[in-house]
Amino acid sequence: MSALDPALESFLRGLPKAELHIHIEGSLEPELIFALAERNGVQLDYPSVEALRAAYAFTDLQSFLDIYYAGASVLLKAEDFHDMAYAYFQRARADNVLHAELFFDPQTHTDRGVPFAAVMEGLLSAQAQAERELGVSSELIMCFLRHLDEEAALATLEQARPYLDRIVGVGLDSSEVGNPPEKFERVFAAARDLGLRAVAHAGEEGPPSYIHGALDALKVERIDHGVQSLQDPALVERLVREQIPLTVCPLSNVKLCVFKQLADHNLRQLLDAGLVATINSDDPAYFGGYMNQNFVETFAALGLNRDHARVLAENSFRGSFLSEQRKQAYLAQVADYCEA
């Protein structure tokens, strides 16, 4: 990978940005996993922080998910969820992330006997503290685990009812291949009826047909990942025409072997095609980098420039679920920064 021009690196690090694809459980660093395990009396399969981090060598999405769910086992009380989320917000603010839309997976926790209320209370208190002390605004997107059945997703939506005023939308994550979006058509329809927005992971490892399915069956407004869309010219044309944002996660894609190396990533082609691509960190504790690391390494590998940076930053706010007024305020900050 070629070294990035120091002036461009400094520019990227200071760039105001939004993050639209962050799994909050995927921000759980090994040090915090061990601290929470000790606090909660949870026995881990790894003898040390170093041994756990050394296990982060994944061959595909499933090999990552196996260790991801093991890490989540230390989350038992509201304070655990608070500590995890606030640690993420601190890192986000250091990377000049001004707004974040967090995915959370209640089924990962309720299936272990953790009350839905504990998950929500911890995340909500961290959100409030981050807005108050760090100036980072945020929204919550509740994801359904696609390797489970739709009945389980419907039950989770029912559990969320007391908190719907604090949840902006629903998403779909976990094992993609073999679990097409159509499997969850009813629960997404029910969520829309409750006023929730919709996004879905599609076209990470799965084919372009999964992106079509997410748009047609689930009526999503954003595609999470979407890097396989270039295989289907008609799909690309549609995504451009409808201005559907793609929440691309470069370091994640390399870590999970979607691309062999960062230089092979198709982010530049996505942008050249007129797609509304954004850069995000996905599961940063596991994939080796938060937002600025994703920006810096991707720009170095693909030879991107300041113009690309501005487009990516603007796309991140335009693709968010912020009100139009707040989008414009953040876009003005991007413009002021880029033109200074």
C-alpha atoms as a PDB file:
ATOM      1  CA  MET A   1       0.000   0.000   0.000  1.00  0.00           C
ATOM      2  CA  SER A   2       1.382   3.414  -0.909  1.00  0.00           C
ATOM      3  CA  ALA A   3       1.879   5.924   1.905  1.00  0.00           C
ATOM      4  CA  LEU A   4      -0.752   8.621   2.082  1.00  0.00           C
ATOM      5  CA  ASP A   5       0.267  12.242   1.631  1.00  0.00           C
ATOM      6  CA  PRO A   6       0.432  13.681   5.185  1.00  0.00           C
ATOM      7  CA  ALA A   7      -1.685  16.701   4.206  1.00  0.00           C
ATOM      8  CA  LEU A   8      -4.409  14.437   2.793  1.00  0.00           C
ATOM      9  CA  GLU A   9      -4.272  12.206   5.874  1.00  0.00           C
ATOM     10  CA  SER A  10      -4.684  15.237   8.140  1.00  0.00           C
ATOM     11  CA  PHE A  11      -7.584  16.424   5.977  1.00  0.00           C
ATOM     12  CA  LEU A  12      -9.317  13.022   6.234  1.00  0.00           C
ATOM     13  CA  ARG A  13      -8.870  12.819   9.986  1.00  0.00           C
ATOM     14  CA  GLY A  14     -10.442  16.244  10.520  1.00  0.00           C
ATOM     15  CA  LEU A  15     -13.266  15.738   8.022  1.00  0.00           C
ATOM     16  CA  PRO A  16     -16.768  15.963   9.606  1.00  0.00           C
ATOM     17  CA  LYS A  17     -18.536  12.662   8.935  1.00  0.00           C
ATOM     18  CA  ALA A  18     -21.460  10.433   9.855  1.00  0.00           C
ATOM     19  CA  GLU A  19     -21.259   6.686  10.446  1.00  0.00           C
ATOM     20  CA  LEU A  20     -24.226   4.691   9.147  1.00  0.00           C
ATOM     21  CA  HIS A  21     -22.960   1.113   9.516  1.00  0.00           C
ATOM     22  CA  ILE A  22     -21.695   0.325  12.999  1.00  0.00           C
ATOM     23  CA  HIS A  23     -22.728  -2.772  14.966  1.00  0.00           C
ATOM     24  CA  ILE A  24     -22.411  -1.565  18.529  1.00  0.00           C
ATOM     25  CA  GLU A  25     -21.635  -5.080  19.758  1.00  0.00           C
ATOM     26  CA  GLY A  26     -18.848  -5.119  17.171  1.00  0.00           C
ATOM     27  CA  SER A  27     -17.148  -2.179  18.892  1.00  0.00           C
ATOM     28  CA  LEU A  28     -16.506  -4.297  21.996  1.00  0.00           C
ATOM     29  CA  GLU A  29     -12.721  -4.249  22.365  1.00  0.00           C
ATOM     30  CA  PRO A  30     -10.954  -7.269  23.944  1.00  0.00           C
ATOM     31  CA  GLU A  31      -9.886  -5.169  26.946  1.00  0.00           C
ATOM     32  CA  LEU A  32     -13.517  -4.262  27.696  1.00  0.00           C
ATOM     33  CA  ILE A  33     -14.649  -7.853  27.066  1.00  0.00           C
ATOM     34  CA  PHE A  34     -12.256  -9.014  29.794  1.00  0.00           C
ATOM     35  CA  ALA A  35     -13.239  -6.179  32.149  1.00  0.00           C
ATOM     36  CA  LEU A  36     -16.947  -6.989  31.758  1.00  0.00           C
ATOM     37  CA  ALA A  37     -16.278 -10.729  32.089  1.00  0.00           C
ATOM     38  CA  GLU A  38     -14.570 -10.069  35.419  1.00  0.00           C
ATOM     39  CA  ARG A  39     -17.317  -7.700  36.571  1.00  0.00           C
ATOM     40  CA  ASN A  40     -20.035 -10.211  35.698  1.00  0.00           C
ATOM     41  CA  GLY A  41     -18.260 -13.450  36.598  1.00  0.00           C
ATOM     42  CA  VAL A  42     -18.285 -14.744  33.014  1.00  0.00           C
ATOM     43  CA  GLN A  43     -15.708 -17.403  32.117  1.00  0.00           C
ATOM     44  CA  LEU A  44     -14.091 -16.784  28.723  1.00  0.00           C
ATOM     45  CA  ASP A  45     -12.490 -19.413  26.492  1.00  0.00           C
ATOM     46  CA  TYR A  46      -9.392 -17.249  26.060  1.00  0.00           C
ATOM     47  CA  PRO A  47      -6.661 -16.843  28.725  1.00  0.00           C
ATOM     48  CA  SER A  48      -5.793 -13.232  27.897  1.00  0.00           C
ATOM     49  CA  VAL A  49      -6.622 -10.109  25.905  1.00  0.00           C
ATOM     50  CA  GLU A  50      -3.770 -10.987  23.548  1.00  0.00           C
ATOM     51  CA  ALA A  51      -5.063 -14.520  22.963  1.00  0.00           C
ATOM     52  CA  LEU A  52      -8.529 -13.199  22.176  1.00  0.00           C
ATOM     53  CA  ARG A  53      -7.206 -10.586  19.752  1.00  0.00           C
ATOM     54  CA  ALA A  54      -5.033 -13.246  18.089  1.00  0.00           C
ATOM     55  CA  ALA A  55      -8.213 -15.210  17.348  1.00  0.00           C
ATOM     56  CA  TYR A  56      -9.451 -12.390  15.089  1.00  0.00           C
ATOM     57  CA  ALA A  57      -8.300 -14.148  11.902  1.00  0.00           C
ATOM     58  CA  PHE A  58     -11.466 -14.757   9.905  1.00  0.00           C
ATOM     59  CA  THR A  59     -11.971 -16.661   6.671  1.00  0.00           C
ATOM     60  CA  ASP A  60     -15.543 -15.539   6.037  1.00  0.00           C
ATOM     61  CA  LEU A  61     -18.564 -13.917   7.654  1.00  0.00           C
ATOM     62  CA  GLN A  62     -19.528 -17.030   9.647  1.00  0.00           C
ATOM     63  CA  SER A  63     -16.100 -17.478  11.224  1.00  0.00           C
ATOM     64  CA  PHE A  64     -16.351 -13.888  12.460  1.00  0.00           C
ATOM     65  CA  LEU A  65     -19.920 -14.302  13.741  1.00  0.00           C
ATOM     66  CA  ASP A  66     -18.907 -17.291  15.875  1.00  0.00           C
ATOM     67  CA  ILE A  67     -16.411 -15.200  17.862  1.00  0.00           C
ATOM     68  CA  TYR A  68     -18.647 -12.101  17.778  1.00  0.00           C
ATOM     69  CA  TYR A  69     -21.438 -13.948  19.606  1.00  0.00           C
ATOM     70  CA  ALA A  70     -18.925 -15.326  22.117  1.00  0.00           C
ATOM     71  CA  GLY A  71     -17.736 -11.780  22.871  1.00  0.00           C
ATOM     72  CA  ALA A  72     -21.306 -10.595  23.409  1.00  0.00           C
ATOM     73  CA  SER A  73     -21.743 -13.148  26.220  1.00  0.00           C
ATOM     74  CA  VAL A  74     -20.216 -10.664  28.711  1.00  0.00           C
ATOM     75  CA  LEU A  75     -23.050  -8.161  28.176  1.00  0.00           C
ATOM     76  CA  LEU A  76     -25.584  -8.825  30.920  1.00  0.00           C
ATOM     77  CA  LYS A  77     -26.676  -5.551  32.556  1.00  0.00           C
ATOM     78  CA  ALA A  78     -27.683  -2.065  31.425  1.00  0.00           C
ATOM     79  CA  GLU A  79     -24.339  -0.657  32.631  1.00  0.00           C
ATOM     80  CA  ASP A  80     -22.497  -3.107  30.343  1.00  0.00           C
ATOM     81  CA  PHE A  81     -24.356  -1.840  27.292  1.00  0.00           C
ATOM     82  CA  HIS A  82     -23.764   1.732  28.431  1.00  0.00           C
ATOM     83  CA  ASP A  83     -20.020   1.211  28.846  1.00  0.00           C
ATOM     84  CA  MET A  84     -19.717  -0.500  25.452  1.00  0.00           C
ATOM     85  CA  ALA A  85     -21.638   2.201  23.594  1.00  0.00           C
ATOM     86  CA  TYR A  86     -19.982   5.142  25.328  1.00  0.00           C
ATOM     87  CA  ALA A  87     -16.522   3.719  24.536  1.00  0.00           C
ATOM     88  CA  TYR A  88     -17.574   3.672  20.867  1.00  0.00           C
ATOM     89  CA  PHE A  89     -18.886   7.250  21.019  1.00  0.00           C
ATOM     90  CA  GLN A  90     -15.558   8.452  22.446  1.00  0.00           C
ATOM     91  CA  ARG A  91     -13.656   6.833  19.566  1.00  0.00           C
ATOM     92  CA  ALA A  92     -16.170   8.183  17.055  1.00  0.00           C
ATOM     93  CA  ARG A  93     -15.762  11.737  18.358  1.00  0.00           C
ATOM     94  CA  ALA A  94     -11.979  11.423  18.144  1.00  0.00           C
ATOM     95  CA  ASP A  95     -12.477  10.565  14.443  1.00  0.00           C
ATOM     96  CA  ASN A  96     -14.761  13.589  13.900  1.00  0.00           C
ATOM     97  CA  VAL A  97     -17.885  11.459  13.568  1.00  0.00           C
ATOM     98  CA  LEU A  98     -20.629  13.966  14.388  1.00  0.00           C
ATOM     99  CA  HIS A  99     -23.585  11.605  13.924  1.00  0.00           C
ATOM    100  CA  ALA A 100     -23.837   7.817  14.197  1.00  0.00           C
ATOM    101  CA  GLU A 101     -26.654   5.380  13.467  1.00  0.00           C
ATOM    102  CA  LEU A 102     -26.014   2.320  15.601  1.00  0.00           C
ATOM    103  CA  PHE A 103     -27.126  -1.208  14.793  1.00  0.00           C
ATOM    104  CA  PHE A 104     -27.956  -3.338  17.813  1.00  0.00           C
ATOM    105  CA  ASP A 105     -28.954  -7.009  17.950  1.00  0.00           C
ATOM    106  CA  PRO A 106     -31.447  -7.594  20.787  1.00  0.00           C
ATOM    107  CA  GLN A 107     -31.883 -11.277  19.896  1.00  0.00           C
ATOM    108  CA  THR A 108     -28.195 -11.874  20.648  1.00  0.00           C
ATOM    109  CA  HIS A 109     -28.986 -10.854  24.224  1.00  0.00           C
ATOM    110  CA  THR A 110     -32.605 -11.787  24.891  1.00  0.00           C
ATOM    111  CA  ASP A 111     -31.880 -15.348  23.727  1.00  0.00           C
ATOM    112  CA  ARG A 112     -29.355 -15.475  26.613  1.00  0.00           C
ATOM    113  CA  GLY A 113     -31.948 -14.299  29.118  1.00  0.00           C
ATOM    114  CA  VAL A 114     -30.870 -10.637  29.146  1.00  0.00           C
ATOM    115  CA  PRO A 115     -33.967  -8.406  29.452  1.00  0.00           C
ATOM    116  CA  PHE A 116     -34.756  -6.228  26.417  1.00  0.00           C
ATOM    117  CA  ALA A 117     -35.052  -3.319  28.853  1.00  0.00           C
ATOM    118  CA  ALA A 118     -31.432  -3.749  29.995  1.00  0.00           C
ATOM    119  CA  VAL A 119     -30.195  -3.465  26.411  1.00  0.00           C
ATOM    120  CA  MET A 120     -32.258  -0.350  25.733  1.00  0.00           C
ATOM    121  CA  GLU A 121     -31.583   1.431  29.014  1.00  0.00           C
ATOM    122  CA  GLY A 122     -27.820   1.022  28.600  1.00  0.00           C
ATOM    123  CA  LEU A 123     -27.764   2.209  24.994  1.00  0.00           C
ATOM    124  CA  LEU A 124     -30.120   5.128  25.636  1.00  0.00           C
ATOM    125  CA  SER A 125     -28.101   6.400  28.590  1.00  0.00           C
ATOM    126  CA  ALA A 126     -24.880   6.228  26.525  1.00  0.00           C
ATOM    127  CA  GLN A 127     -26.568   8.107  23.683  1.00  0.00           C
ATOM    128  CA  ALA A 128     -27.699  10.856  26.045  1.00  0.00           C
ATOM    129  CA  GLN A 129     -24.224  11.168  27.587  1.00  0.00           C
ATOM    130  CA  ALA A 130     -22.557  11.257  24.154  1.00  0.00           C
ATOM    131  CA  GLU A 131     -24.842  14.031  22.942  1.00  0.00           C
ATOM    132  CA  ARG A 132     -24.382  15.989  26.162  1.00  0.00           C
ATOM    133  CA  GLU A 133     -20.638  15.574  26.688  1.00  0.00           C
ATOM    134  CA  LEU A 134     -19.228  14.837  23.216  1.00  0.00           C
ATOM    135  CA  GLY A 135     -21.670  16.581  20.889  1.00  0.00           C
ATOM    136  CA  VAL A 136     -22.267  13.338  18.957  1.00  0.00           C
ATOM    137  CA  SER A 137     -25.867  12.790  17.860  1.00  0.00           C
ATOM    138  CA  SER A 138     -27.098   9.259  17.238  1.00  0.00           C
ATOM    139  CA  GLU A 139     -29.984   6.985  16.336  1.00  0.00           C
ATOM    140  CA  LEU A 140     -30.668   3.308  17.050  1.00  0.00           C
ATOM    141  CA  ILE A 141     -31.485   0.742  14.358  1.00  0.00           C
ATOM    142  CA  MET A 142     -32.763  -2.582  15.676  1.00  0.00           C
ATOM    143  CA  CYS A 143     -31.509  -5.486  13.586  1.00  0.00           C
ATOM    144  CA  PHE A 144     -33.102  -8.885  13.158  1.00  0.00           C
ATOM    145  CA  LEU A 145     -30.778 -11.896  12.976  1.00  0.00           C
ATOM    146  CA  ARG A 146     -31.391 -13.460   9.576  1.00  0.00           C
ATOM    147  CA  HIS A 147     -30.163 -16.939  10.542  1.00  0.00           C
ATOM    148  CA  LEU A 148     -33.175 -17.129  12.892  1.00  0.00           C
ATOM    149  CA  ASP A 149     -36.762 -17.385  11.638  1.00  0.00           C
ATOM    150  CA  GLU A 150     -39.222 -14.579  11.006  1.00  0.00           C
ATOM    151  CA  GLU A 151     -41.358 -15.544  13.999  1.00  0.00           C
ATOM    152  CA  ALA A 152     -38.415 -14.698  16.266  1.00  0.00           C
ATOM    153  CA  ALA A 153     -38.045 -11.354  14.499  1.00  0.00           C
ATOM    154  CA  LEU A 154     -41.755 -10.600  14.959  1.00  0.00           C
ATOM    155  CA  ALA A 155     -41.457 -11.422  18.666  1.00  0.00           C
ATOM    156  CA  THR A 156     -38.503  -9.011  18.930  1.00  0.00           C
ATOM    157  CA  LEU A 157     -40.498  -6.258  17.215  1.00  0.00           C
ATOM    158  CA  GLU A 158     -43.245  -6.834  19.786  1.00  0.00           C
ATOM    159  CA  GLN A 159     -40.724  -6.539  22.644  1.00  0.00           C
ATOM    160  CA  ALA A 160     -39.537  -3.229  21.197  1.00  0.00           C
ATOM    161  CA  ARG A 161     -42.962  -1.568  21.334  1.00  0.00           C
ATOM    162  CA  PRO A 162     -42.331   0.415  24.549  1.00  0.00           C
ATOM    163  CA  TYR A 163     -39.204   1.912  22.960  1.00  0.00           C
ATOM    164  CA  LEU A 164     -40.347   2.661  19.437  1.00  0.00           C
ATOM    165  CA  ASP A 165     -40.058   6.408  19.957  1.00  0.00           C
ATOM    166  CA  ARG A 166     -36.309   5.863  20.559  1.00  0.00           C
ATOM    167  CA  ILE A 167     -35.666   3.457  17.669  1.00  0.00           C
ATOM    168  CA  VAL A 168     -35.448   5.047  14.214  1.00  0.00           C
ATOM    169  CA  GLY A 169     -35.572   1.899  12.107  1.00  0.00           C
ATOM    170  CA  VAL A 170     -35.032  -1.818  11.642  1.00  0.00           C
ATOM    171  CA  GLY A 171     -32.260  -3.695   9.862  1.00  0.00           C
ATOM    172  CA  LEU A 172     -31.241  -7.202   8.877  1.00  0.00           C
ATOM    173  CA  ASP A 173     -27.850  -8.713   9.686  1.00  0.00           C
ATOM    174  CA  SER A 174     -25.960 -11.938  10.544  1.00  0.00           C
ATOM    175  CA  SER A 175     -25.347 -14.832   8.089  1.00  0.00           C
ATOM    176  CA  GLU A 176     -26.316 -13.536   4.642  1.00  0.00           C
ATOM    177  CA  VAL A 177     -25.880 -16.467   2.240  1.00  0.00           C
ATOM    178  CA  GLY A 178     -28.892 -18.793   2.362  1.00  0.00           C
ATOM    179  CA  ASN A 179     -31.042 -16.227   4.166  1.00  0.00           C
ATOM    180  CA  PRO A 180     -32.545 -13.992   1.460  1.00  0.00           C
ATOM    181  CA  PRO A 181     -34.395 -10.788   2.384  1.00  0.00           C
ATOM    182  CA  GLU A 182     -37.770 -12.241   1.304  1.00  0.00           C
ATOM    183  CA  LYS A 183     -37.645 -14.430   4.424  1.00  0.00           C
ATOM    184  CA  PHE A 184     -38.446 -11.289   6.476  1.00  0.00           C
ATOM    185  CA  GLU A 185     -41.061  -9.557   4.341  1.00  0.00           C
ATOM    186  CA  ARG A 186     -43.836  -9.655   6.970  1.00  0.00           C
ATOM    187  CA  VAL A 187     -41.788  -8.278   9.871  1.00  0.00           C
ATOM    188  CA  PHE A 188     -40.465  -5.397   7.763  1.00  0.00           C
ATOM    189  CA  ALA A 189     -44.016  -4.579   6.662  1.00  0.00           C
ATOM    190  CA  ALA A 190     -45.096  -4.593  10.311  1.00  0.00           C
ATOM    191  CA  ALA A 191     -42.185  -2.326  11.237  1.00  0.00           C
ATOM    192  CA  ARG A 192     -43.090   0.138   8.473  1.00  0.00           C
ATOM    193  CA  ASP A 193     -46.671   0.178   9.751  1.00  0.00           C
ATOM    194  CA  LEU A 194     -45.250   1.234  13.134  1.00  0.00           C
ATOM    195  CA  GLY A 195     -43.447   4.164  11.493  1.00  0.00           C
ATOM    196  CA  LEU A 196     -39.951   2.679  11.467  1.00  0.00           C
ATOM    197  CA  ARG A 197     -37.427   3.209   8.664  1.00  0.00           C
ATOM    198  CA  ALA A 198     -35.777   0.200   7.018  1.00  0.00           C
ATOM    199  CA  VAL A 199     -32.274  -0.877   5.994  1.00  0.00           C
ATOM    200  CA  ALA A 200     -30.768  -4.309   5.303  1.00  0.00           C
ATOM    201  CA  HIS A 201     -27.427  -6.002   4.798  1.00  0.00           C
ATOM    202  CA  ALA A 202     -27.351  -7.189   1.198  1.00  0.00           C
ATOM    203  CA  GLY A 203     -24.692  -7.842  -1.407  1.00  0.00           C
ATOM    204  CA  GLU A 204     -21.801  -8.349   1.015  1.00  0.00           C
ATOM    205  CA  GLU A 205     -21.292 -12.065   0.342  1.00  0.00           C
ATOM    206  CA  GLY A 206     -24.752 -12.539  -1.158  1.00  0.00           C
ATOM    207  CA  PRO A 207     -25.611 -11.964  -4.845  1.00  0.00           C
ATOM    208  CA  PRO A 208     -27.168  -8.854  -6.440  1.00  0.00           C
ATOM    209  CA  SER A 209     -30.557 -10.615  -6.250  1.00  0.00           C
ATOM    210  CA  TYR A 210     -30.423 -10.095  -2.476  1.00  0.00           C
ATOM    211  CA  ILE A 211     -30.134  -6.338  -3.055  1.00  0.00           C
ATOM    212  CA  HIS A 212     -33.163  -6.464  -5.367  1.00  0.00           C
ATOM    213  CA  GLY A 213     -34.970  -8.460  -2.666  1.00  0.00           C
ATOM    214  CA  ALA A 214     -34.127  -5.935   0.034  1.00  0.00           C
ATOM    215  CA  LEU A 215     -35.456  -3.097  -2.128  1.00  0.00           C
ATOM    216  CA  ASP A 216     -38.568  -4.880  -3.398  1.00  0.00           C
ATOM    217  CA  ALA A 217     -39.648  -7.176  -0.555  1.00  0.00           C
ATOM    218  CA  LEU A 218     -38.408  -5.194   2.434  1.00  0.00           C
ATOM    219  CA  LYS A 219     -38.755  -1.686   0.916  1.00  0.00           C
ATOM    220  CA  VAL A 220     -35.441  -0.581   2.449  1.00  0.00           C
ATOM    221  CA  GLU A 221     -34.111   2.961   2.090  1.00  0.00           C
ATOM    222  CA  ARG A 222     -30.416   2.014   2.444  1.00  0.00           C
ATOM    223  CA  ILE A 223     -28.348  -1.018   1.479  1.00  0.00           C
ATOM    224  CA  ASP A 224     -25.724  -2.062   3.996  1.00  0.00           C
ATOM    225  CA  HIS A 225     -22.582  -3.150   2.093  1.00  0.00           C
ATOM    226  CA  GLY A 226     -23.931  -3.536  -1.478  1.00  0.00           C
ATOM    227  CA  VAL A 227     -20.472  -4.132  -2.971  1.00  0.00           C
ATOM    228  CA  GLN A 228     -21.772  -6.944  -5.195  1.00  0.00           C
ATOM    229  CA  SER A 229     -24.126  -4.530  -6.978  1.00  0.00           C
ATOM    230  CA  LEU A 230     -21.620  -3.870  -9.779  1.00  0.00           C
ATOM    231  CA  GLN A 231     -22.254  -7.399 -11.092  1.00  0.00           C
ATOM    232  CA  ASP A 232     -25.714  -6.263 -12.236  1.00  0.00           C
ATOM    233  CA  PRO A 233     -25.782  -3.166 -14.527  1.00  0.00           C
ATOM    234  CA  ALA A 234     -29.569  -2.852 -14.262  1.00  0.00           C
ATOM    235  CA  LEU A 235     -29.287  -2.827 -10.467  1.00  0.00           C
ATOM    236  CA  VAL A 236     -26.576  -0.142 -10.589  1.00  0.00           C
ATOM    237  CA  GLU A 237     -28.823   1.969 -12.814  1.00  0.00           C
ATOM    238  CA  ARG A 238     -31.668   1.584 -10.332  1.00  0.00           C
ATOM    239  CA  LEU A 239     -29.526   2.391  -7.286  1.00  0.00           C
ATOM    240  CA  VAL A 240     -28.260   5.545  -9.004  1.00  0.00           C
ATOM    241  CA  ARG A 241     -31.721   6.579 -10.207  1.00  0.00           C
ATOM    242  CA  GLU A 242     -33.300   6.097  -6.773  1.00  0.00           C
ATOM    243  CA  GLN A 243     -30.221   7.465  -4.954  1.00  0.00           C
ATOM    244  CA  ILE A 244     -30.122   4.505  -2.551  1.00  0.00           C
ATOM    245  CA  PRO A 245     -27.178   4.914  -0.154  1.00  0.00           C
ATOM    246  CA  LEU A 246     -24.687   2.049   0.212  1.00  0.00           C
ATOM    247  CA  THR A 247     -22.972   1.769   3.595  1.00  0.00           C
ATOM    248  CA  VAL A 248     -19.641   0.314   2.491  1.00  0.00           C
ATOM    249  CA  CYS A 249     -17.150  -1.092   5.026  1.00  0.00           C
ATOM    250  CA  PRO A 250     -13.717  -1.418   3.367  1.00  0.00           C
ATOM    251  CA  LEU A 251     -11.565  -2.891   6.154  1.00  0.00           C
ATOM    252  CA  SER A 252     -14.372  -5.283   7.076  1.00  0.00           C
ATOM    253  CA  ASN A 253     -14.634  -6.477   3.465  1.00  0.00           C
ATOM    254  CA  VAL A 254     -10.928  -7.334   3.431  1.00  0.00           C
ATOM    255  CA  LYS A 255     -10.958  -8.932   6.895  1.00  0.00           C
ATOM    256  CA  LEU A 256     -13.850 -11.205   5.845  1.00  0.00           C
ATOM    257  CA  CYS A 257     -12.215 -12.039   2.495  1.00  0.00           C
ATOM    258  CA  VAL A 258     -14.844 -10.318   0.316  1.00  0.00           C
ATOM    259  CA  PHE A 259     -11.795  -8.682  -1.310  1.00  0.00           C
ATOM    260  CA  LYS A 260      -8.340 -10.216  -1.112  1.00  0.00           C
ATOM    261  CA  GLN A 261      -6.665  -6.889  -0.375  1.00  0.00           C
ATOM    262  CA  LEU A 262      -7.737  -3.280   0.018  1.00  0.00           C
ATOM    263  CA  ALA A 263      -6.251  -2.363  -3.369  1.00  0.00           C
ATOM    264  CA  ASP A 264      -8.842  -4.718  -4.929  1.00  0.00           C
ATOM    265  CA  HIS A 265     -11.810  -2.965  -3.293  1.00  0.00           C
ATOM    266  CA  ASN A 266     -14.420  -1.521  -5.668  1.00  0.00           C
ATOM    267  CA  LEU A 267     -15.284   1.640  -3.695  1.00  0.00           C
ATOM    268  CA  ARG A 268     -13.779   3.839  -6.397  1.00  0.00           C
ATOM    269  CA  GLN A 269     -15.853   2.100  -9.093  1.00  0.00           C
ATOM    270  CA  LEU A 270     -18.976   2.531  -6.948  1.00  0.00           C
ATOM    271  CA  LEU A 271     -18.325   6.261  -6.720  1.00  0.00           C
ATOM    272  CA  ASP A 272     -17.430   6.530 -10.422  1.00  0.00           C
ATOM    273  CA  ALA A 273     -20.754   4.831 -11.255  1.00  0.00           C
ATOM    274  CA  GLY A 274     -22.621   7.580  -9.389  1.00  0.00           C
ATOM    275  CA  LEU A 275     -23.664   5.378  -6.467  1.00  0.00           C
ATOM    276  CA  VAL A 276     -24.264   7.026  -3.081  1.00  0.00           C
ATOM    277  CA  ALA A 277     -21.443   5.170  -1.338  1.00  0.00           C
ATOM    278  CA  THR A 278     -20.267   5.894   2.202  1.00  0.00           C
ATOM    279  CA  ILE A 279     -17.360   4.628   4.323  1.00  0.00           C
ATOM    280  CA  ASN A 280     -18.084   2.915   7.646  1.00  0.00           C
ATOM    281  CA  SER A 281     -16.354   0.695  10.195  1.00  0.00           C
ATOM    282  CA  ASP A 282     -18.902  -2.163  10.624  1.00  0.00           C
ATOM    283  CA  ASP A 283     -17.403  -4.109  13.583  1.00  0.00           C
ATOM    284  CA  PRO A 284     -14.284  -2.039  14.282  1.00  0.00           C
ATOM    285  CA  ALA A 285     -13.003  -3.937  17.320  1.00  0.00           C
ATOM    286  CA  TYR A 286     -12.781  -7.076  15.179  1.00  0.00           C
ATOM    287  CA  PHE A 287     -11.825  -5.612  11.795  1.00  0.00           C
ATOM    288  CA  GLY A 288      -8.879  -3.432  12.727  1.00  0.00           C
ATOM    289  CA  GLY A 289     -10.126   0.100  12.440  1.00  0.00           C
ATOM    290  CA  TYR A 290     -12.660   2.771  13.323  1.00  0.00           C
ATOM    291  CA  MET A 291     -13.725   5.471  10.870  1.00  0.00           C
ATOM    292  CA  ASN A 292     -10.485   7.347  10.323  1.00  0.00           C
ATOM    293  CA  GLN A 293      -8.522   4.131   9.908  1.00  0.00           C
ATOM    294  CA  ASN A 294     -11.013   3.067   7.209  1.00  0.00           C
ATOM    295  CA  PHE A 295     -10.678   6.419   5.454  1.00  0.00           C
ATOM    296  CA  VAL A 296      -6.878   6.635   5.636  1.00  0.00           C
ATOM    297  CA  GLU A 297      -6.129   3.055   4.590  1.00  0.00           C
ATOM    298  CA  THR A 298      -8.752   3.044   1.821  1.00  0.00           C
ATOM    299  CA  PHE A 299      -7.581   6.343   0.363  1.00  0.00           C
ATOM    300  CA  ALA A 300      -3.971   5.124   0.391  1.00  0.00           C
ATOM    301  CA  ALA A 301      -4.866   1.821  -1.278  1.00  0.00           C
ATOM    302  CA  LEU A 302      -7.184   3.249  -3.943  1.00  0.00           C
ATOM    303  CA  GLY A 303      -5.524   6.593  -4.673  1.00  0.00           C
ATOM    304  CA  LEU A 304      -8.592   8.611  -3.718  1.00  0.00           C
ATOM    305  CA  ASN A 305      -8.396  12.393  -3.270  1.00  0.00           C
ATOM    306  CA  ARG A 306     -10.025  15.310  -1.436  1.00  0.00           C
ATOM    307  CA  ASP A 307     -12.907  15.451  -3.908  1.00  0.00           C
ATOM    308  CA  HIS A 308     -13.742  11.824  -3.108  1.00  0.00           C
ATOM    309  CA  ALA A 309     -13.513  12.630   0.598  1.00  0.00           C
ATOM    310  CA  ARG A 310     -16.015  15.457   0.316  1.00  0.00           C
ATOM    311  CA  VAL A 311     -18.444  13.292  -1.665  1.00  0.00           C
ATOM    312  CA  LEU A 312     -18.165  10.468   0.887  1.00  0.00           C
ATOM    313  CA  ALA A 313     -18.732  12.850   3.803  1.00  0.00           C
ATOM    314  CA  GLU A 314     -21.710  14.501   2.107  1.00  0.00           C
ATOM    315  CA  ASN A 315     -23.155  11.093   1.215  1.00  0.00           C
ATOM    316  CA  SER A 316     -22.914  10.020   4.853  1.00  0.00           C
ATOM    317  CA  PHE A 317     -25.099  12.889   6.048  1.00  0.00           C
ATOM    318  CA  ARG A 318     -27.468  12.784   3.063  1.00  0.00           C
ATOM    319  CA  GLY A 319     -27.936   9.041   3.560  1.00  0.00           C
ATOM    320  CA  SER A 320     -28.697   9.409   7.272  1.00  0.00           C
ATOM    321  CA  PHE A 321     -32.108   9.410   8.951  1.00  0.00           C
ATOM    322  CA  LEU A 322     -31.613  12.938  10.273  1.00  0.00           C
ATOM    323  CA  SER A 323     -34.252  15.584   9.585  1.00  0.00           C
ATOM    324  CA  GLU A 324     -33.681  17.631   6.451  1.00  0.00           C
ATOM    325  CA  GLN A 325     -32.863  20.673   8.572  1.00  0.00           C
ATOM    326  CA  ARG A 326     -30.159  18.838  10.530  1.00  0.00           C
ATOM    327  CA  LYS A 327     -28.752  17.272   7.349  1.00  0.00           C
ATOM    328  CA  GLN A 328     -28.314  20.720   5.864  1.00  0.00           C
ATOM    329  CA  ALA A 329     -26.595  21.975   9.024  1.00  0.00           C
ATOM    330  CA  TYR A 330     -24.086  19.114   8.922  1.00  0.00           C
ATOM    331  CA  LEU A 331     -23.582  19.495   5.150  1.00  0.00           C
ATOM    332  CA  ALA A 332     -22.743  23.156   5.752  1.00  0.00           C
ATOM    333  CA  GLN A 333     -20.058  22.046   8.203  1.00  0.00           C
ATOM    334  CA  VAL A 334     -18.602  19.714   5.579  1.00  0.00           C
ATOM    335  CA  ALA A 335     -18.613  22.526   3.009  1.00  0.00           C
ATOM    336  CA  ASP A 336     -16.952  24.980   5.416  1.00  0.00           C
ATOM    337  CA  TYR A 337     -14.270  22.426   6.287  1.00  0.00           C
ATOM    338  CA  CYS A 338     -13.545  21.484   2.670  1.00  0.00           C
ATOM    339  CA  GLU A 339     -13.424  25.062   1.446  1.00  0.00           C
ATOM    340  CA  ALA A 340     -11.365  26.442   4.360  1.00  0.00           C
END
